[in-house]
């Protein structure tokens, strides 16, 4: 096994782990740390020929700016006006699914015809899943964690196949953090739900 670890991959590993840990804790600092992570991965993925993933990082930077702004407006998790965790509506699921299918198909075609990618479909699929998950995180949709889990289950073998072994290990850690994030956000949602009142009779 030829494992050539670069500083770019190591820094991507470190900032990525910190970013997901902060997201799970609903800490607003996840957004600037995430932007730094995106910059490292732009370089890494271009070197590995994962062109959709490299382009995805640019979109992630824009979404991180949006998420940072959204969370800042909503306050921190300890404030009364915090952006609340909520469930994804039926309408949101419909357009997210439609965008995901169309995006995957279009990116697969583009990567297959316009680049030398050896994994056009898998690169496109993870890109579509990641975009949907990031949007959900910006809006604090509980199910965004399920989308991340699905993406990570593809990313782990994909990065190993491309020789990015440390990044593959990082995504195993991401997977565990995503499960923890899902559990934590679900607890927050349950705690915020209105409790039934019991009538008191004299």
N, C-alpha and C. Protein backbone atom coordinates (compact mmCIF):
# COMPACT_ATOMS: atom_id res chain seq x y z
N UNK A 1 0.84 -1.19 0.00
CA UNK A 1 0.00 0.00 0.00
C UNK A 1 0.88 1.25 0.00
N UNK A 2 0.72 2.10 -0.96
CA UNK A 2 1.52 3.32 -1.07
C UNK A 2 0.77 4.48 -0.43
N UNK A 3 1.26 4.92 0.72
CA UNK A 3 0.58 5.97 1.48
C UNK A 3 1.49 7.20 1.53
N UNK A 4 1.22 8.19 0.69
CA UNK A 4 1.99 9.41 0.66
C UNK A 4 1.19 10.51 1.34
N UNK A 5 1.44 10.72 2.66
CA UNK A 5 0.72 11.71 3.43
C UNK A 5 1.28 13.09 3.15
N UNK A 6 0.42 14.04 2.82
CA UNK A 6 0.84 15.42 2.58
C UNK A 6 0.35 16.30 3.72
N UNK A 7 0.98 17.48 3.83
CA UNK A 7 0.53 18.44 4.83
C UNK A 7 -0.90 18.89 4.53
N UNK A 8 -1.24 18.98 3.27
CA UNK A 8 -2.60 19.38 2.89
C UNK A 8 -3.61 18.38 3.44
N UNK A 9 -3.33 17.08 3.28
CA UNK A 9 -4.26 16.07 3.78
C UNK A 9 -4.30 16.08 5.31
N UNK A 10 -3.15 16.27 5.95
CA UNK A 10 -3.11 16.30 7.41
C UNK A 10 -3.90 17.48 7.97
N UNK A 11 -3.73 18.67 7.34
CA UNK A 11 -4.47 19.84 7.81
C UNK A 11 -5.96 19.71 7.50
N UNK A 12 -6.29 19.08 6.37
CA UNK A 12 -7.68 18.82 6.07
C UNK A 12 -8.30 17.89 7.10
N UNK A 13 -7.53 16.88 7.51
CA UNK A 13 -7.97 15.94 8.54
C UNK A 13 -8.29 16.69 9.84
N UNK A 14 -7.35 17.52 10.29
CA UNK A 14 -7.49 18.20 11.58
C UNK A 14 -8.67 19.18 11.58
N UNK A 15 -8.73 20.05 10.56
CA UNK A 15 -9.80 21.04 10.53
C UNK A 15 -11.17 20.39 10.30
N UNK A 16 -11.19 19.31 9.53
CA UNK A 16 -12.45 18.61 9.30
C UNK A 16 -13.01 18.00 10.57
N UNK A 17 -12.14 17.36 11.36
CA UNK A 17 -12.58 16.74 12.60
C UNK A 17 -13.10 17.78 13.58
N UNK A 18 -12.38 18.90 13.69
CA UNK A 18 -12.82 19.97 14.60
C UNK A 18 -14.14 20.56 14.14
N UNK A 19 -14.29 20.75 12.83
CA UNK A 19 -15.51 21.34 12.28
C UNK A 19 -16.74 20.49 12.61
N UNK A 20 -16.68 19.19 12.35
CA UNK A 20 -17.84 18.33 12.60
C UNK A 20 -18.15 18.26 14.09
N UNK A 21 -17.12 18.23 14.92
CA UNK A 21 -17.32 18.23 16.38
C UNK A 21 -18.05 19.49 16.83
N UNK A 22 -17.68 20.64 16.25
CA UNK A 22 -18.33 21.90 16.59
C UNK A 22 -19.77 21.94 16.10
N UNK A 23 -20.03 21.38 14.90
CA UNK A 23 -21.40 21.33 14.38
C UNK A 23 -22.28 20.51 15.31
N UNK A 24 -21.77 19.36 15.74
CA UNK A 24 -22.55 18.50 16.63
C UNK A 24 -22.90 19.21 17.92
N UNK A 25 -22.04 20.13 18.36
CA UNK A 25 -22.29 20.91 19.57
C UNK A 25 -23.07 22.20 19.29
N UNK A 26 -23.47 22.39 18.03
CA UNK A 26 -24.19 23.58 17.59
C UNK A 26 -23.41 24.86 17.89
N UNK A 27 -22.08 24.79 17.71
CA UNK A 27 -21.21 25.95 17.97
C UNK A 27 -20.96 26.69 16.66
N UNK A 28 -21.16 27.99 16.67
CA UNK A 28 -21.07 28.79 15.45
C UNK A 28 -19.67 28.81 14.85
N UNK A 29 -18.64 28.50 15.66
CA UNK A 29 -17.27 28.50 15.15
C UNK A 29 -17.04 27.41 14.12
N UNK A 30 -18.00 26.47 13.99
CA UNK A 30 -17.82 25.42 12.98
C UNK A 30 -17.71 26.01 11.58
N UNK A 31 -18.35 27.16 11.33
CA UNK A 31 -18.36 27.71 9.97
C UNK A 31 -17.00 28.24 9.53
N UNK A 32 -16.30 29.09 10.32
CA UNK A 32 -14.96 29.50 9.86
C UNK A 32 -13.96 28.36 9.81
N UNK A 33 -14.05 27.42 10.74
CA UNK A 33 -13.16 26.26 10.71
C UNK A 33 -13.46 25.43 9.46
N UNK A 34 -14.73 25.33 9.13
CA UNK A 34 -15.12 24.59 7.94
C UNK A 34 -14.61 25.22 6.66
N UNK A 35 -14.59 26.55 6.61
CA UNK A 35 -14.07 27.25 5.43
C UNK A 35 -12.58 26.93 5.25
N UNK A 36 -11.82 26.93 6.35
CA UNK A 36 -10.41 26.56 6.27
C UNK A 36 -10.26 25.13 5.76
N UNK A 37 -11.11 24.23 6.24
CA UNK A 37 -11.11 22.84 5.79
C UNK A 37 -11.38 22.74 4.30
N UNK A 38 -12.32 23.54 3.80
CA UNK A 38 -12.65 23.52 2.37
C UNK A 38 -11.46 23.94 1.52
N UNK A 39 -10.71 24.93 1.96
CA UNK A 39 -9.55 25.40 1.20
C UNK A 39 -8.51 24.28 1.07
N UNK A 40 -8.23 23.59 2.18
CA UNK A 40 -7.26 22.49 2.13
C UNK A 40 -7.72 21.38 1.18
N UNK A 41 -9.03 21.08 1.20
CA UNK A 41 -9.53 19.99 0.37
C UNK A 41 -9.64 20.37 -1.10
N UNK A 42 -9.76 21.65 -1.41
CA UNK A 42 -9.72 22.05 -2.82
C UNK A 42 -8.41 21.60 -3.44
N UNK A 43 -7.32 21.90 -2.75
CA UNK A 43 -5.99 21.53 -3.24
C UNK A 43 -5.84 20.02 -3.30
N UNK A 44 -6.25 19.34 -2.24
CA UNK A 44 -6.08 17.88 -2.15
C UNK A 44 -6.86 17.16 -3.24
N UNK A 45 -8.11 17.56 -3.46
CA UNK A 45 -8.96 16.85 -4.42
C UNK A 45 -8.56 17.13 -5.86
N UNK A 46 -8.05 18.31 -6.14
CA UNK A 46 -7.54 18.59 -7.48
C UNK A 46 -6.35 17.69 -7.78
N UNK A 47 -5.50 17.49 -6.79
CA UNK A 47 -4.35 16.62 -6.97
C UNK A 47 -4.77 15.16 -7.19
N UNK A 48 -5.91 14.76 -6.58
CA UNK A 48 -6.36 13.37 -6.66
C UNK A 48 -7.28 13.12 -7.86
N UNK A 49 -7.62 14.16 -8.60
CA UNK A 49 -8.52 14.00 -9.75
C UNK A 49 -9.98 13.87 -9.38
N UNK A 50 -10.33 14.31 -8.16
CA UNK A 50 -11.73 14.30 -7.73
C UNK A 50 -12.30 15.70 -7.99
N UNK A 51 -12.62 15.96 -9.24
CA UNK A 51 -12.92 17.32 -9.67
C UNK A 51 -14.25 17.84 -9.11
N UNK A 52 -15.26 16.97 -9.05
CA UNK A 52 -16.54 17.41 -8.49
C UNK A 52 -16.39 17.73 -7.01
N UNK A 53 -15.61 16.90 -6.30
CA UNK A 53 -15.38 17.17 -4.88
C UNK A 53 -14.61 18.47 -4.68
N UNK A 54 -13.67 18.75 -5.58
CA UNK A 54 -12.92 20.01 -5.50
C UNK A 54 -13.85 21.20 -5.73
N UNK A 55 -14.68 21.11 -6.77
CA UNK A 55 -15.64 22.17 -7.02
C UNK A 55 -16.64 22.30 -5.90
N UNK A 56 -16.99 21.17 -5.29
CA UNK A 56 -17.93 21.18 -4.18
C UNK A 56 -17.43 22.03 -3.02
N UNK A 57 -16.12 22.02 -2.82
CA UNK A 57 -15.57 22.81 -1.71
C UNK A 57 -15.81 24.31 -1.90
N UNK A 58 -15.79 24.76 -3.15
CA UNK A 58 -16.08 26.17 -3.43
C UNK A 58 -17.52 26.48 -3.05
N UNK A 59 -18.43 25.58 -3.40
CA UNK A 59 -19.83 25.76 -3.03
C UNK A 59 -19.98 25.70 -1.51
N UNK A 60 -19.22 24.80 -0.87
CA UNK A 60 -19.26 24.70 0.59
C UNK A 60 -18.87 26.02 1.25
N UNK A 61 -17.88 26.71 0.66
CA UNK A 61 -17.45 27.98 1.23
C UNK A 61 -18.60 28.99 1.19
N UNK A 62 -19.32 29.03 0.05
CA UNK A 62 -20.46 29.93 -0.07
C UNK A 62 -21.57 29.54 0.91
N UNK A 63 -21.84 28.23 1.03
CA UNK A 63 -22.86 27.77 1.96
C UNK A 63 -22.44 28.01 3.41
N UNK A 64 -21.14 27.90 3.69
CA UNK A 64 -20.64 28.16 5.05
C UNK A 64 -20.87 29.63 5.42
N UNK A 65 -20.64 30.52 4.45
CA UNK A 65 -20.90 31.94 4.70
C UNK A 65 -22.38 32.17 5.00
N UNK A 66 -23.24 31.48 4.23
CA UNK A 66 -24.69 31.57 4.46
C UNK A 66 -25.06 30.99 5.82
N UNK A 67 -24.51 29.81 6.15
CA UNK A 67 -24.79 29.19 7.43
C UNK A 67 -24.31 30.03 8.60
N UNK A 68 -23.12 30.61 8.46
CA UNK A 68 -22.55 31.48 9.49
C UNK A 68 -23.49 32.66 9.74
N UNK A 69 -23.96 33.27 8.66
CA UNK A 69 -24.87 34.41 8.74
C UNK A 69 -26.21 34.00 9.36
N UNK A 70 -26.74 32.84 8.96
CA UNK A 70 -28.02 32.35 9.48
C UNK A 70 -27.94 32.06 10.96
N UNK A 71 -26.88 31.35 11.37
CA UNK A 71 -26.74 31.01 12.79
C UNK A 71 -26.49 32.26 13.63
N UNK A 72 -25.73 33.21 13.09
CA UNK A 72 -25.45 34.45 13.83
C UNK A 72 -26.73 35.25 14.06
N UNK A 73 -27.59 35.27 13.06
CA UNK A 73 -28.86 35.98 13.20
C UNK A 73 -29.77 35.30 14.21
N UNK A 74 -29.67 33.97 14.29
CA UNK A 74 -30.53 33.22 15.20
C UNK A 74 -30.01 33.15 16.62
N UNK A 75 -28.78 33.61 16.84
CA UNK A 75 -28.21 33.52 18.17
C UNK A 75 -27.57 32.17 18.42
N UNK A 76 -26.87 32.07 19.52
CA UNK A 76 -26.22 30.82 19.88
C UNK A 76 -27.20 29.83 20.47
N UNK A 77 -26.79 28.58 20.66
CA UNK A 77 -27.69 27.55 21.16
C UNK A 77 -28.22 27.81 22.56
N UNK A 78 -27.53 28.69 23.32
CA UNK A 78 -27.97 28.95 24.69
C UNK A 78 -28.88 30.16 24.79
N UNK A 79 -29.14 30.86 23.70
CA UNK A 79 -29.94 32.07 23.75
C UNK A 79 -31.40 31.77 23.43
N UNK A 80 -32.26 32.68 23.86
CA UNK A 80 -33.69 32.47 23.69
C UNK A 80 -34.11 32.53 22.22
N UNK A 81 -33.33 33.28 21.42
CA UNK A 81 -33.71 33.44 20.01
C UNK A 81 -32.86 32.57 19.08
N UNK A 82 -32.33 31.46 19.62
CA UNK A 82 -31.50 30.57 18.81
C UNK A 82 -32.29 29.98 17.66
N UNK A 83 -31.59 29.77 16.53
CA UNK A 83 -32.21 29.07 15.41
C UNK A 83 -32.55 27.66 15.87
N UNK A 84 -33.81 27.25 15.83
CA UNK A 84 -34.18 25.95 16.41
C UNK A 84 -33.89 24.78 15.47
N UNK A 85 -33.59 23.64 16.05
CA UNK A 85 -33.52 22.40 15.29
C UNK A 85 -34.96 22.02 14.92
N UNK A 86 -35.17 21.58 13.68
CA UNK A 86 -36.52 21.18 13.28
C UNK A 86 -36.45 20.02 12.30
N UNK A 87 -37.61 19.41 12.05
CA UNK A 87 -37.70 18.32 11.09
C UNK A 87 -37.83 18.88 9.68
N UNK A 88 -37.40 18.10 8.71
CA UNK A 88 -37.52 18.47 7.30
C UNK A 88 -38.97 18.27 6.86
N UNK A 89 -39.54 19.27 6.20
CA UNK A 89 -40.92 19.16 5.76
C UNK A 89 -41.02 18.28 4.51
N UNK A 90 -42.24 17.84 4.21
CA UNK A 90 -42.46 17.03 3.02
C UNK A 90 -42.07 17.76 1.75
N UNK A 91 -42.41 19.05 1.69
CA UNK A 91 -42.07 19.84 0.51
C UNK A 91 -40.56 19.96 0.34
N UNK A 92 -39.85 20.15 1.46
CA UNK A 92 -38.39 20.24 1.40
C UNK A 92 -37.79 18.92 0.92
N UNK A 93 -38.31 17.79 1.39
CA UNK A 93 -37.81 16.49 0.94
C UNK A 93 -37.99 16.32 -0.56
N UNK A 94 -39.14 16.78 -1.08
CA UNK A 94 -39.42 16.61 -2.51
C UNK A 94 -38.41 17.37 -3.35
N UNK A 95 -38.18 18.65 -3.03
CA UNK A 95 -37.26 19.40 -3.88
C UNK A 95 -35.81 19.01 -3.63
N UNK A 96 -35.47 18.58 -2.41
CA UNK A 96 -34.11 18.09 -2.17
C UNK A 96 -33.85 16.81 -2.96
N UNK A 97 -34.84 15.91 -2.99
CA UNK A 97 -34.68 14.66 -3.74
C UNK A 97 -34.58 14.95 -5.24
N UNK A 98 -35.42 15.85 -5.74
CA UNK A 98 -35.40 16.18 -7.16
C UNK A 98 -34.06 16.81 -7.54
N UNK A 99 -33.61 17.75 -6.70
CA UNK A 99 -32.32 18.41 -6.98
C UNK A 99 -31.18 17.40 -6.91
N UNK A 100 -31.27 16.45 -5.97
CA UNK A 100 -30.21 15.45 -5.84
C UNK A 100 -30.12 14.53 -7.03
N UNK A 101 -31.26 14.06 -7.51
CA UNK A 101 -31.27 13.15 -8.67
C UNK A 101 -30.78 13.87 -9.92
N UNK A 102 -31.32 15.07 -10.17
CA UNK A 102 -30.91 15.83 -11.35
C UNK A 102 -29.44 16.24 -11.27
N UNK A 103 -29.02 16.67 -10.09
CA UNK A 103 -27.63 17.08 -9.92
C UNK A 103 -26.65 15.94 -10.12
N UNK A 104 -26.99 14.76 -9.58
CA UNK A 104 -26.13 13.59 -9.74
C UNK A 104 -26.02 13.20 -11.21
N UNK A 105 -27.15 13.20 -11.91
CA UNK A 105 -27.14 12.82 -13.33
C UNK A 105 -26.33 13.80 -14.16
N UNK A 106 -26.55 15.10 -13.93
CA UNK A 106 -25.85 16.11 -14.72
C UNK A 106 -24.35 16.10 -14.44
N UNK A 107 -23.97 15.97 -13.16
CA UNK A 107 -22.55 15.95 -12.82
C UNK A 107 -21.86 14.69 -13.34
N UNK A 108 -22.55 13.56 -13.28
CA UNK A 108 -21.97 12.32 -13.80
C UNK A 108 -21.65 12.48 -15.29
N UNK A 109 -22.59 13.02 -16.03
CA UNK A 109 -22.40 13.23 -17.47
C UNK A 109 -21.24 14.19 -17.73
N UNK A 110 -21.21 15.29 -16.96
CA UNK A 110 -20.15 16.28 -17.14
C UNK A 110 -18.77 15.70 -16.84
N UNK A 111 -18.65 15.00 -15.71
CA UNK A 111 -17.36 14.44 -15.32
C UNK A 111 -16.90 13.35 -16.29
N UNK A 112 -17.86 12.59 -16.78
CA UNK A 112 -17.52 11.50 -17.69
C UNK A 112 -17.01 12.02 -19.03
N UNK A 113 -17.60 13.12 -19.50
CA UNK A 113 -17.27 13.62 -20.83
C UNK A 113 -16.20 14.71 -20.84
N UNK A 114 -16.09 15.46 -19.75
CA UNK A 114 -15.21 16.64 -19.76
C UNK A 114 -13.95 16.49 -18.92
N UNK A 115 -13.82 15.40 -18.15
CA UNK A 115 -12.64 15.22 -17.31
C UNK A 115 -12.10 13.80 -17.46
N UNK A 116 -10.97 13.56 -16.79
CA UNK A 116 -10.40 12.21 -16.80
C UNK A 116 -10.76 11.44 -15.53
N UNK A 117 -11.86 11.84 -14.88
CA UNK A 117 -12.29 11.18 -13.65
C UNK A 117 -12.52 9.70 -13.89
N UNK A 118 -12.05 8.88 -12.95
CA UNK A 118 -12.27 7.43 -13.03
C UNK A 118 -13.49 6.99 -12.22
N UNK A 119 -14.09 7.95 -11.50
CA UNK A 119 -15.25 7.62 -10.65
C UNK A 119 -16.34 8.69 -10.82
N UNK A 120 -16.79 8.96 -12.04
CA UNK A 120 -17.71 10.08 -12.25
C UNK A 120 -19.02 9.97 -11.47
N UNK A 121 -19.63 8.77 -11.45
CA UNK A 121 -20.91 8.65 -10.76
C UNK A 121 -20.75 8.84 -9.25
N UNK A 122 -19.76 8.18 -8.66
CA UNK A 122 -19.59 8.25 -7.21
C UNK A 122 -19.17 9.65 -6.78
N UNK A 123 -18.35 10.31 -7.58
CA UNK A 123 -17.96 11.69 -7.30
C UNK A 123 -19.19 12.60 -7.35
N UNK A 124 -20.05 12.39 -8.34
CA UNK A 124 -21.26 13.20 -8.49
C UNK A 124 -22.26 12.92 -7.37
N UNK A 125 -22.43 11.64 -7.01
CA UNK A 125 -23.39 11.28 -5.98
C UNK A 125 -23.02 11.89 -4.63
N UNK A 126 -21.76 11.78 -4.25
CA UNK A 126 -21.34 12.34 -2.96
C UNK A 126 -21.45 13.86 -2.96
N UNK A 127 -21.22 14.47 -4.13
CA UNK A 127 -21.37 15.92 -4.23
C UNK A 127 -22.81 16.33 -3.99
N UNK A 128 -23.75 15.64 -4.61
CA UNK A 128 -25.18 15.97 -4.45
C UNK A 128 -25.63 15.75 -3.01
N UNK A 129 -25.23 14.63 -2.42
CA UNK A 129 -25.60 14.36 -1.04
C UNK A 129 -25.02 15.40 -0.08
N UNK A 130 -23.78 15.79 -0.32
CA UNK A 130 -23.11 16.74 0.56
C UNK A 130 -23.75 18.13 0.47
N UNK A 131 -24.13 18.53 -0.73
CA UNK A 131 -24.79 19.82 -0.89
C UNK A 131 -26.13 19.84 -0.16
N UNK A 132 -26.90 18.78 -0.31
CA UNK A 132 -28.19 18.70 0.38
C UNK A 132 -28.01 18.70 1.89
N UNK A 133 -27.00 17.97 2.37
CA UNK A 133 -26.75 17.91 3.81
C UNK A 133 -26.30 19.26 4.35
N UNK A 134 -25.44 19.96 3.60
CA UNK A 134 -24.96 21.26 4.06
C UNK A 134 -26.09 22.28 4.12
N UNK A 135 -26.96 22.26 3.10
CA UNK A 135 -28.12 23.15 3.15
C UNK A 135 -28.96 22.85 4.39
N UNK A 136 -29.18 21.57 4.66
CA UNK A 136 -29.96 21.18 5.83
C UNK A 136 -29.32 21.64 7.13
N UNK A 137 -28.00 21.60 7.19
CA UNK A 137 -27.29 22.07 8.38
C UNK A 137 -27.46 23.58 8.56
N UNK A 138 -27.43 24.31 7.45
CA UNK A 138 -27.62 25.76 7.52
C UNK A 138 -28.97 26.10 8.14
N UNK A 139 -29.97 25.26 7.84
CA UNK A 139 -31.33 25.49 8.36
C UNK A 139 -31.61 24.70 9.64
N UNK A 140 -30.60 23.96 10.14
CA UNK A 140 -30.73 23.10 11.32
C UNK A 140 -31.85 22.07 11.15
N UNK A 141 -31.86 21.41 10.01
CA UNK A 141 -32.80 20.32 9.77
C UNK A 141 -32.21 19.03 10.34
N UNK A 142 -32.95 18.37 11.20
CA UNK A 142 -32.45 17.16 11.86
C UNK A 142 -31.96 16.12 10.86
N UNK A 143 -32.73 15.94 9.78
CA UNK A 143 -32.41 14.88 8.82
C UNK A 143 -31.16 15.16 8.00
N UNK A 144 -30.59 16.36 8.13
CA UNK A 144 -29.34 16.64 7.41
C UNK A 144 -28.25 15.66 7.86
N UNK A 145 -28.33 15.19 9.10
CA UNK A 145 -27.34 14.22 9.58
C UNK A 145 -27.46 12.89 8.85
N UNK A 146 -28.68 12.47 8.50
CA UNK A 146 -28.85 11.23 7.75
C UNK A 146 -28.24 11.35 6.36
N UNK A 147 -28.37 12.54 5.76
CA UNK A 147 -27.75 12.76 4.44
C UNK A 147 -26.23 12.69 4.55
N UNK A 148 -25.67 13.27 5.61
CA UNK A 148 -24.21 13.19 5.81
C UNK A 148 -23.77 11.75 6.03
N UNK A 149 -24.55 11.01 6.80
CA UNK A 149 -24.21 9.60 7.04
C UNK A 149 -24.18 8.83 5.73
N UNK A 150 -25.18 9.05 4.87
CA UNK A 150 -25.22 8.38 3.57
C UNK A 150 -24.00 8.76 2.73
N UNK A 151 -23.66 10.06 2.72
CA UNK A 151 -22.51 10.52 1.95
C UNK A 151 -21.21 9.89 2.47
N UNK A 152 -21.06 9.85 3.80
CA UNK A 152 -19.83 9.31 4.40
C UNK A 152 -19.66 7.83 4.09
N UNK A 153 -20.76 7.10 4.02
CA UNK A 153 -20.66 5.67 3.71
C UNK A 153 -20.14 5.43 2.29
N UNK A 154 -20.30 6.42 1.42
CA UNK A 154 -19.73 6.33 0.07
C UNK A 154 -18.31 6.90 0.06
N UNK A 155 -18.11 8.01 0.77
CA UNK A 155 -16.80 8.66 0.79
C UNK A 155 -15.70 7.74 1.31
N UNK A 156 -15.98 6.98 2.35
CA UNK A 156 -14.92 6.17 2.99
C UNK A 156 -14.25 5.23 1.99
N UNK A 157 -14.99 4.38 1.27
CA UNK A 157 -14.30 3.52 0.29
C UNK A 157 -13.81 4.29 -0.94
N UNK A 158 -14.48 5.39 -1.29
CA UNK A 158 -14.06 6.17 -2.45
C UNK A 158 -12.68 6.76 -2.24
N UNK A 159 -12.45 7.38 -1.08
CA UNK A 159 -11.15 7.99 -0.82
C UNK A 159 -10.06 6.93 -0.66
N UNK A 160 -10.40 5.78 -0.09
CA UNK A 160 -9.42 4.69 0.01
C UNK A 160 -9.03 4.23 -1.39
N UNK A 161 -10.01 4.13 -2.28
CA UNK A 161 -9.76 3.71 -3.66
C UNK A 161 -8.82 4.70 -4.37
N UNK A 162 -8.97 6.00 -4.05
CA UNK A 162 -8.13 7.03 -4.68
C UNK A 162 -6.79 7.20 -3.97
N UNK A 163 -6.52 6.40 -2.95
CA UNK A 163 -5.24 6.47 -2.25
C UNK A 163 -5.17 7.52 -1.17
N UNK A 164 -6.30 8.14 -0.84
CA UNK A 164 -6.35 9.16 0.22
C UNK A 164 -6.73 8.48 1.53
N UNK A 165 -5.78 7.71 2.07
CA UNK A 165 -6.10 6.84 3.19
C UNK A 165 -6.41 7.62 4.47
N UNK A 166 -5.66 8.68 4.75
CA UNK A 166 -5.93 9.47 5.94
C UNK A 166 -7.30 10.14 5.84
N UNK A 167 -7.63 10.64 4.66
CA UNK A 167 -8.94 11.24 4.45
C UNK A 167 -10.04 10.20 4.61
N UNK A 168 -9.80 8.98 4.16
CA UNK A 168 -10.76 7.91 4.36
C UNK A 168 -10.98 7.64 5.84
N UNK A 169 -9.87 7.62 6.60
CA UNK A 169 -9.97 7.43 8.05
C UNK A 169 -10.72 8.61 8.67
N UNK A 170 -10.45 9.83 8.19
CA UNK A 170 -11.15 11.01 8.68
C UNK A 170 -12.66 10.85 8.53
N UNK A 171 -13.07 10.29 7.39
CA UNK A 171 -14.51 10.14 7.15
C UNK A 171 -15.13 9.04 7.98
N UNK A 172 -14.32 8.09 8.45
CA UNK A 172 -14.83 7.14 9.45
C UNK A 172 -15.14 7.91 10.73
N UNK A 173 -14.23 8.82 11.08
CA UNK A 173 -14.48 9.68 12.24
C UNK A 173 -15.68 10.58 12.02
N UNK A 174 -15.81 11.13 10.81
CA UNK A 174 -16.97 11.95 10.47
C UNK A 174 -18.26 11.16 10.68
N UNK A 175 -18.23 9.90 10.25
CA UNK A 175 -19.42 9.06 10.37
C UNK A 175 -19.83 8.93 11.83
N UNK A 176 -18.86 8.70 12.70
CA UNK A 176 -19.17 8.58 14.14
C UNK A 176 -19.68 9.91 14.69
N UNK A 177 -19.06 11.03 14.27
CA UNK A 177 -19.49 12.33 14.74
C UNK A 177 -20.89 12.68 14.21
N UNK A 178 -21.19 12.22 13.00
CA UNK A 178 -22.53 12.46 12.44
C UNK A 178 -23.59 11.74 13.25
N UNK A 179 -23.29 10.51 13.67
CA UNK A 179 -24.23 9.77 14.52
C UNK A 179 -24.42 10.51 15.84
N UNK A 180 -23.30 11.00 16.41
CA UNK A 180 -23.39 11.76 17.66
C UNK A 180 -24.18 13.05 17.45
N UNK A 181 -23.96 13.71 16.31
CA UNK A 181 -24.70 14.93 16.01
C UNK A 181 -26.18 14.67 15.87
N UNK A 182 -26.53 13.57 15.20
CA UNK A 182 -27.93 13.20 15.03
C UNK A 182 -28.59 12.98 16.38
N UNK A 183 -27.91 12.26 17.27
CA UNK A 183 -28.46 11.99 18.60
C UNK A 183 -28.60 13.30 19.39
N UNK A 184 -27.58 14.15 19.32
CA UNK A 184 -27.62 15.41 20.06
C UNK A 184 -28.72 16.34 19.57
N UNK A 185 -28.83 16.49 18.25
CA UNK A 185 -29.87 17.37 17.70
C UNK A 185 -31.26 16.81 17.98
N UNK A 186 -31.39 15.48 17.98
CA UNK A 186 -32.69 14.88 18.27
C UNK A 186 -33.08 15.18 19.72
N UNK A 187 -32.11 15.11 20.63
CA UNK A 187 -32.40 15.45 22.03
C UNK A 187 -32.83 16.90 22.17
N UNK A 188 -32.15 17.78 21.43
CA UNK A 188 -32.51 19.20 21.46
C UNK A 188 -33.94 19.40 20.97
N UNK A 189 -34.30 18.69 19.89
CA UNK A 189 -35.63 18.81 19.32
C UNK A 189 -36.68 18.31 20.31
N UNK A 190 -36.41 17.17 20.95
CA UNK A 190 -37.36 16.61 21.91
C UNK A 190 -37.50 17.54 23.11
N UNK A 191 -36.38 18.10 23.58
CA UNK A 191 -36.41 18.98 24.74
C UNK A 191 -37.19 20.26 24.46
N UNK A 192 -37.17 20.71 23.19
CA UNK A 192 -37.85 21.94 22.83
C UNK A 192 -39.33 21.75 22.53
N UNK A 193 -39.75 20.49 22.39
CA UNK A 193 -41.16 20.21 22.06
C UNK A 193 -42.05 20.60 23.22
N UNK A 194 -43.22 21.19 22.93
CA UNK A 194 -44.14 21.56 24.01
C UNK A 194 -44.62 20.34 24.77
N UNK A 195 -44.62 20.45 26.07
CA UNK A 195 -45.03 19.32 26.90
C UNK A 195 -46.55 19.38 27.15
N UNK A 196 -47.21 18.22 27.12
CA UNK A 196 -48.65 18.22 27.37
C UNK A 196 -48.96 18.67 28.80
N UNK A 197 -49.99 19.47 28.93
CA UNK A 197 -50.38 19.96 30.25
C UNK A 197 -51.45 19.05 30.83
N UNK A 198 -51.36 18.86 32.14
CA UNK A 198 -52.33 18.02 32.83
C UNK A 198 -53.25 18.89 33.64
N UNK A 199 -54.52 18.72 33.42
CA UNK A 199 -55.48 19.54 34.16
C UNK A 199 -55.47 19.18 35.64
N UNK A 200 -55.49 20.18 36.49
CA UNK A 200 -55.46 19.99 37.93
C UNK A 200 -56.85 20.26 38.47
N UNK A 201 -57.42 19.29 39.10
CA UNK A 201 -58.76 19.47 39.66
C UNK A 201 -58.69 19.61 41.17
N UNK A 202 -59.56 20.40 41.70
CA UNK A 202 -59.57 20.64 43.13
C UNK A 202 -60.14 19.42 43.87
